Protein backbone atom coordinates (compact mmCIF):
# COMPACT_ATOMS: atom_id res chain seq x y z
CA MET A 1 35.20 46.27 179.06
CA PRO A 2 38.57 46.86 177.69
CA TYR A 3 39.82 43.92 175.84
CA HIS A 4 43.40 42.88 175.30
CA THR A 5 44.86 45.00 178.18
CA GLN A 6 48.20 43.45 178.72
CA ILE A 7 50.61 44.09 181.68
CA THR A 8 54.31 43.91 182.02
CA TRP A 9 56.02 44.19 185.51
CA ALA A 10 59.40 43.76 187.35
CA GLY A 11 60.23 43.38 191.08
CA ALA A 12 62.84 42.62 193.53
CA SER A 13 63.83 42.47 197.03
CA VAL A 14 67.25 43.59 198.72
CA SER A 15 68.28 42.53 202.26
CA GLY A 16 69.00 45.69 204.53
CA THR A 17 72.63 46.18 206.54
CA ARG A 18 70.72 46.56 209.70
CA LYS A 19 69.52 42.88 209.90
CA PRO A 20 71.09 39.20 208.82
CA ARG A 21 67.55 38.26 207.54
CA ASN A 22 65.22 39.84 204.74
CA GLU A 23 61.88 40.24 206.77
CA ASP A 24 60.17 41.92 203.12
CA SER A 25 58.10 39.44 201.12
CA TRP A 26 56.89 39.99 197.38
CA ILE A 27 54.13 38.21 195.34
CA ALA A 28 52.68 38.06 191.90
CA PHE A 29 50.59 35.84 191.10
CA SER A 30 47.72 35.60 188.05
CA SER A 31 44.29 34.31 190.08
CA GLY A 32 41.70 32.78 187.58
CA ALA A 33 39.15 29.58 188.11
CA GLY A 34 41.61 27.42 188.57
CA GLY A 35 43.44 29.39 191.42
CA ALA A 36 46.57 31.20 191.60
CA THR A 37 49.72 30.53 189.81
CA LEU A 38 52.91 32.40 190.88
CA LEU A 39 54.83 34.60 188.49
CA CYS A 40 58.29 34.75 188.35
CA GLU A 41 60.31 38.16 189.04
CA CYS A 42 59.97 39.89 185.60
CA GLY A 43 57.13 38.78 182.85
CA GLY A 44 54.26 40.08 181.24
CA GLY A 45 50.81 38.92 181.27
CA SER A 46 47.49 39.40 179.82
CA LEU A 47 43.93 40.56 181.63
CA ASP A 48 42.03 38.83 179.13
CA ASP A 49 41.66 35.47 180.75
CA HIS A 50 43.09 35.81 184.68
CA ASP A 51 43.60 39.09 186.87
CA LEU A 52 46.94 39.68 187.86
CA VAL A 53 47.79 40.52 192.01
CA PHE A 54 50.84 41.98 192.84
CA ALA A 55 51.99 42.58 196.80
CA VAL A 56 54.40 43.49 199.11
CA SER A 57 54.78 42.79 202.90
CA ASP A 58 57.18 43.89 205.78
CA GLY A 59 57.71 41.85 208.73
CA MET A 60 58.31 42.69 212.43
CA GLY A 61 59.41 40.97 214.81
CA GLY A 62 62.14 38.99 216.84
CA GLY A 63 63.77 36.02 215.80
CA ASN A 64 62.47 34.71 212.49
CA ALA A 65 58.98 36.39 213.51
CA GLY A 66 59.08 39.15 210.60
CA ASP A 67 60.11 37.21 207.32
CA LEU A 68 57.67 34.45 208.71
CA ALA A 69 54.41 36.97 209.15
CA SER A 70 55.12 38.82 205.50
CA SER A 71 55.04 35.42 203.98
CA LEU A 72 51.87 34.16 205.89
CA ILE A 73 50.13 37.02 204.72
CA LEU A 74 50.92 36.78 200.81
CA GLU A 75 50.46 33.07 200.63
CA SER A 76 46.93 33.71 201.97
CA MET A 77 46.67 36.14 199.46
CA ALA A 78 47.21 33.84 196.90
CA ALA A 79 44.92 31.28 198.30
CA MET A 80 41.84 33.68 198.72
CA ILE A 81 41.53 35.99 196.33
CA PRO A 82 41.14 33.36 193.41
CA GLU A 83 38.06 32.10 195.04
CA THR A 84 36.39 35.50 193.98
CA PHE A 85 35.99 33.56 190.53
CA LYS A 86 33.90 30.96 191.96
CA ALA A 87 31.70 32.48 194.59
CA ALA A 88 30.97 35.84 192.69
CA ALA A 89 29.57 35.25 189.44
CA ALA A 90 27.78 38.66 189.61
CA GLY A 91 28.33 41.81 191.60
CA PHE A 92 32.43 41.83 191.25
CA PHE A 93 33.29 45.22 192.47
CA PRO A 94 31.49 44.96 195.92
CA ASP A 95 32.28 41.05 196.29
CA SER A 96 35.91 41.76 195.73
CA LEU A 97 36.32 44.49 198.29
CA GLU A 98 34.37 42.13 200.96
CA HIS A 99 36.83 39.27 199.94
CA LEU A 100 40.05 41.13 200.49
CA LYS A 101 38.61 42.74 203.74
CA GLN A 102 37.52 39.12 204.89
CA ALA A 103 40.71 37.44 203.98
CA ILE A 104 43.17 40.51 205.70
CA ILE A 105 40.75 39.85 209.04
CA GLY A 106 41.69 35.81 208.87
CA ILE A 107 45.02 36.30 208.27
CA HIS A 108 45.36 38.95 211.11
CA GLY A 109 43.85 36.05 213.14
CA GLN A 110 46.30 33.70 212.33
CA ILE A 111 49.30 35.70 212.46
CA ASN A 112 48.64 36.73 216.31
CA SER A 113 47.52 32.94 216.99
CA ALA A 114 50.77 32.14 215.79
CA ALA A 115 52.59 34.52 218.02
CA GLU A 116 51.18 33.57 220.75
CA ALA A 117 51.97 29.80 220.56
CA ALA A 118 56.12 30.75 220.57
CA GLU A 119 57.89 32.74 222.64
CA ASP A 120 59.92 34.14 219.87
CA ARG A 121 57.02 35.07 217.71
CA LYS A 122 55.38 37.46 220.15
CA GLY A 123 54.68 40.84 218.73
CA MET A 124 54.80 39.39 215.16
CA ALA A 125 53.47 41.23 212.46
CA ALA A 126 53.32 42.76 209.06
CA THR A 127 52.28 45.47 206.51
CA LEU A 128 50.80 44.97 203.44
CA ALA A 129 50.14 46.32 200.04
CA LEU A 130 48.82 44.78 197.75
CA ALA A 131 47.49 45.93 193.59
CA TRP A 132 44.53 43.51 192.10
CA PHE A 133 44.50 44.11 188.55
CA THR A 134 41.14 43.04 186.89
CA PRO A 135 40.34 44.61 183.18
CA GLU A 136 38.07 46.87 184.69
CA ASN A 137 40.18 48.39 187.32
CA MET A 138 43.08 47.72 189.96
CA TYR A 139 41.81 47.16 193.73
CA LEU A 140 43.66 47.77 196.10
CA ALA A 141 44.49 46.88 200.16
CA ASN A 142 46.92 48.16 202.07
CA VAL A 143 47.93 48.05 206.20
CA GLY A 144 50.57 49.75 207.54
CA ASP A 145 53.13 51.69 205.72
CA SER A 146 54.11 49.78 202.50
CA ARG A 147 52.84 51.85 199.11
CA ILE A 148 51.28 51.85 195.71
CA TYR A 149 51.81 54.64 193.58
CA ARG A 150 49.84 55.42 190.10
CA SER A 151 52.05 57.40 187.49
CA ARG A 152 49.69 58.86 184.65
CA GLU A 153 51.32 61.40 182.10
CA GLY A 154 54.30 62.27 184.09
CA GLU A 155 51.87 62.68 187.71
CA LEU A 156 52.58 60.67 190.70
CA GLU A 157 49.97 59.43 193.04
CA GLN A 158 50.04 57.66 195.98
CA LEU A 159 46.79 55.44 195.92
CA SER A 160 47.28 53.71 199.08
CA LYS A 161 47.31 55.18 203.06
CA ASP A 162 50.34 55.15 205.27
CA HIS A 163 48.96 53.98 208.91
CA THR A 164 50.86 56.67 210.73
CA ALA A 165 49.95 60.19 212.28
CA ALA A 166 53.29 61.73 210.91
CA TRP A 167 52.00 60.50 206.77
CA GLY A 168 48.96 62.44 207.90
CA GLN A 169 50.47 65.25 208.95
CA TRP A 170 52.24 65.63 205.76
CA LYS A 171 49.55 64.95 203.11
CA ARG A 172 47.20 67.83 205.06
CA GLY A 173 50.01 70.26 204.74
CA GLU A 174 50.99 70.52 208.48
CA ILE A 175 54.58 69.60 207.69
CA LYS A 176 56.57 69.43 204.57
CA GLU A 177 58.17 66.18 203.00
CA ILE A 178 61.42 67.15 204.64
CA GLU A 179 59.72 67.19 207.89
CA TYR A 180 58.26 63.97 207.63
CA ARG A 181 61.18 62.38 206.38
CA SER A 182 62.90 63.58 209.70
CA HIS A 183 59.78 62.63 212.01
CA PRO A 184 60.90 60.84 215.16
CA ARG A 185 57.06 58.96 214.66
CA ARG A 186 57.58 58.78 211.29
CA ALA A 187 57.66 54.75 211.55
CA ALA A 188 55.10 54.58 214.53
CA LEU A 189 52.17 52.23 212.86
CA TYR A 190 48.82 52.66 214.41
CA GLU A 191 47.49 49.51 211.49
CA VAL A 192 49.37 46.44 211.45
CA VAL A 193 48.76 42.98 210.65
CA GLY A 194 48.84 40.89 213.44
CA GLY A 195 51.11 42.84 216.34
CA GLY A 196 48.54 41.36 219.18
CA HIS A 197 45.59 43.74 217.78
CA ALA A 198 42.31 43.05 218.37
CA LYS A 199 41.09 44.35 215.37
CA VAL A 200 42.41 45.55 211.66
CA CYS A 201 41.44 48.14 209.62
CA PRO A 202 42.94 47.93 206.39
CA HIS A 203 42.46 51.05 203.79
CA PHE A 204 40.41 49.90 200.41
CA ALA A 205 40.63 52.04 197.38
CA VAL A 206 39.86 51.24 193.89
CA ALA A 207 41.33 52.67 190.62
CA ASP A 208 40.92 52.76 187.45
CA HIS A 209 44.31 51.69 184.65
CA ARG A 210 44.78 52.69 181.41
CA LYS A 211 47.42 52.60 178.65
CA GLY A 212 50.54 53.78 179.87
CA ASP A 213 50.07 53.88 183.31
CA ARG A 214 52.61 52.74 185.79
CA PHE A 215 52.42 51.60 188.95
CA LEU A 216 54.66 50.86 191.87
CA VAL A 217 54.28 48.67 195.11
CA CYS A 218 57.16 49.02 197.66
CA SER A 219 57.90 48.95 201.18
CA ASP A 220 59.12 51.70 203.19
CA GLY A 221 62.73 50.43 203.24
CA LEU A 222 62.73 52.12 199.33
CA ILE A 223 61.23 55.26 200.63
CA ASP A 224 64.03 55.28 203.01
CA GLY A 225 66.61 56.22 200.12
CA ILE A 226 64.54 58.17 197.65
CA TRP A 227 62.30 61.04 197.70
CA GLU A 228 58.64 61.33 195.74
CA ARG A 229 60.66 63.44 193.11
CA HIS A 230 62.99 60.56 192.40
CA ILE A 231 59.92 58.42 191.92
CA THR A 232 58.19 60.74 189.77
CA ASN A 233 61.29 61.45 187.36
CA ALA A 234 61.48 57.19 187.12
CA LEU A 235 57.86 56.08 186.62
CA ALA A 236 57.43 59.19 184.02
CA THR A 237 59.85 57.54 181.45
CA ASP A 238 59.38 55.33 178.57
CA ALA A 239 61.87 52.81 180.43
CA PRO A 240 60.64 49.24 180.53
CA PRO A 241 59.94 47.88 184.49
CA SER A 242 62.76 46.40 184.60
CA GLU A 243 65.04 49.26 184.03
CA ILE A 244 62.92 51.28 186.29
CA ARG A 245 63.19 48.94 189.16
CA ASP A 246 66.89 49.22 188.94
CA VAL A 247 67.34 52.62 188.67
CA LEU A 248 65.13 53.08 191.82
CA LEU A 249 66.31 50.10 194.09
CA LYS A 250 70.43 51.25 193.30
CA ARG A 251 69.24 54.82 194.61
CA ALA A 252 67.50 53.85 197.24
CA ILE A 253 70.09 51.36 198.41
CA ASP A 254 72.98 53.93 197.72
CA ASN A 255 71.31 56.33 199.84
CA SER A 256 70.38 54.08 202.73
CA GLY A 257 70.51 50.82 202.29
CA ILE A 258 69.26 49.95 205.85
CA ASP A 259 65.95 48.70 206.01
CA ASP A 260 64.88 45.77 203.53
CA THR A 261 64.09 46.84 200.61
CA THR A 262 61.06 45.73 198.13
CA LEU A 263 59.67 47.04 194.79
CA VAL A 264 57.64 45.84 192.03
CA VAL A 265 56.85 48.32 188.97
CA ILE A 266 53.91 47.01 186.50
CA ARG A 267 53.20 49.11 183.16
CA ILE A 268 50.01 48.57 181.65
CA ASP A 269 50.83 48.07 177.61
């Protein structure tokens, strides 16, 4: 098991010009036997005693429903993820993924119930991209089109999966990135948390992390204003996470800025 793994991060969320209210939410917290501790916008921490979790959620729905849905998801994650320390003394790998699955299924039902209880919340839903760092691995869960990337030795890889047919066409090589970006069904999600759907089927994966790796967790508002080559170039630099965050955020807002834009940049030190 690797020892003294240090992580630094920087996150931010900026409202888009399309709506008066920011419907994105993001969270950073440490998770241990004593529960979850919320972390600040920029910081550093060790994996020696605590896991570190970073998540982004993009809400949708009328009135204040979008930001309510996104914040409910992240509050639920912060409450439920630390339970693995109490419930699973052995077999951490399978238990952690199963725990994530049950947590998302649970909050899916809560959001649907909240939407049914009030007229202005009908259709309330949200995406989720969650990166859970342990000393051994990074466990991820995603629903919708919020993303998780890993940059290693200059090579960029999207670890999450967009739940749209257009993204599938792009990744299978049927269309190019420029065609994907202008695709009329690019934002048509077939998986969301809530939304009145009977079930939710998240994407789960496990990725290793090494010294020098950089990770990006972001909402689709960031992707609207930048291309993958911009992410590749930014994450390949030796700049600290706060500088990379600022570069990506400025480029995305300058080029688009219509949608809410949220990102967390993470570096393995």
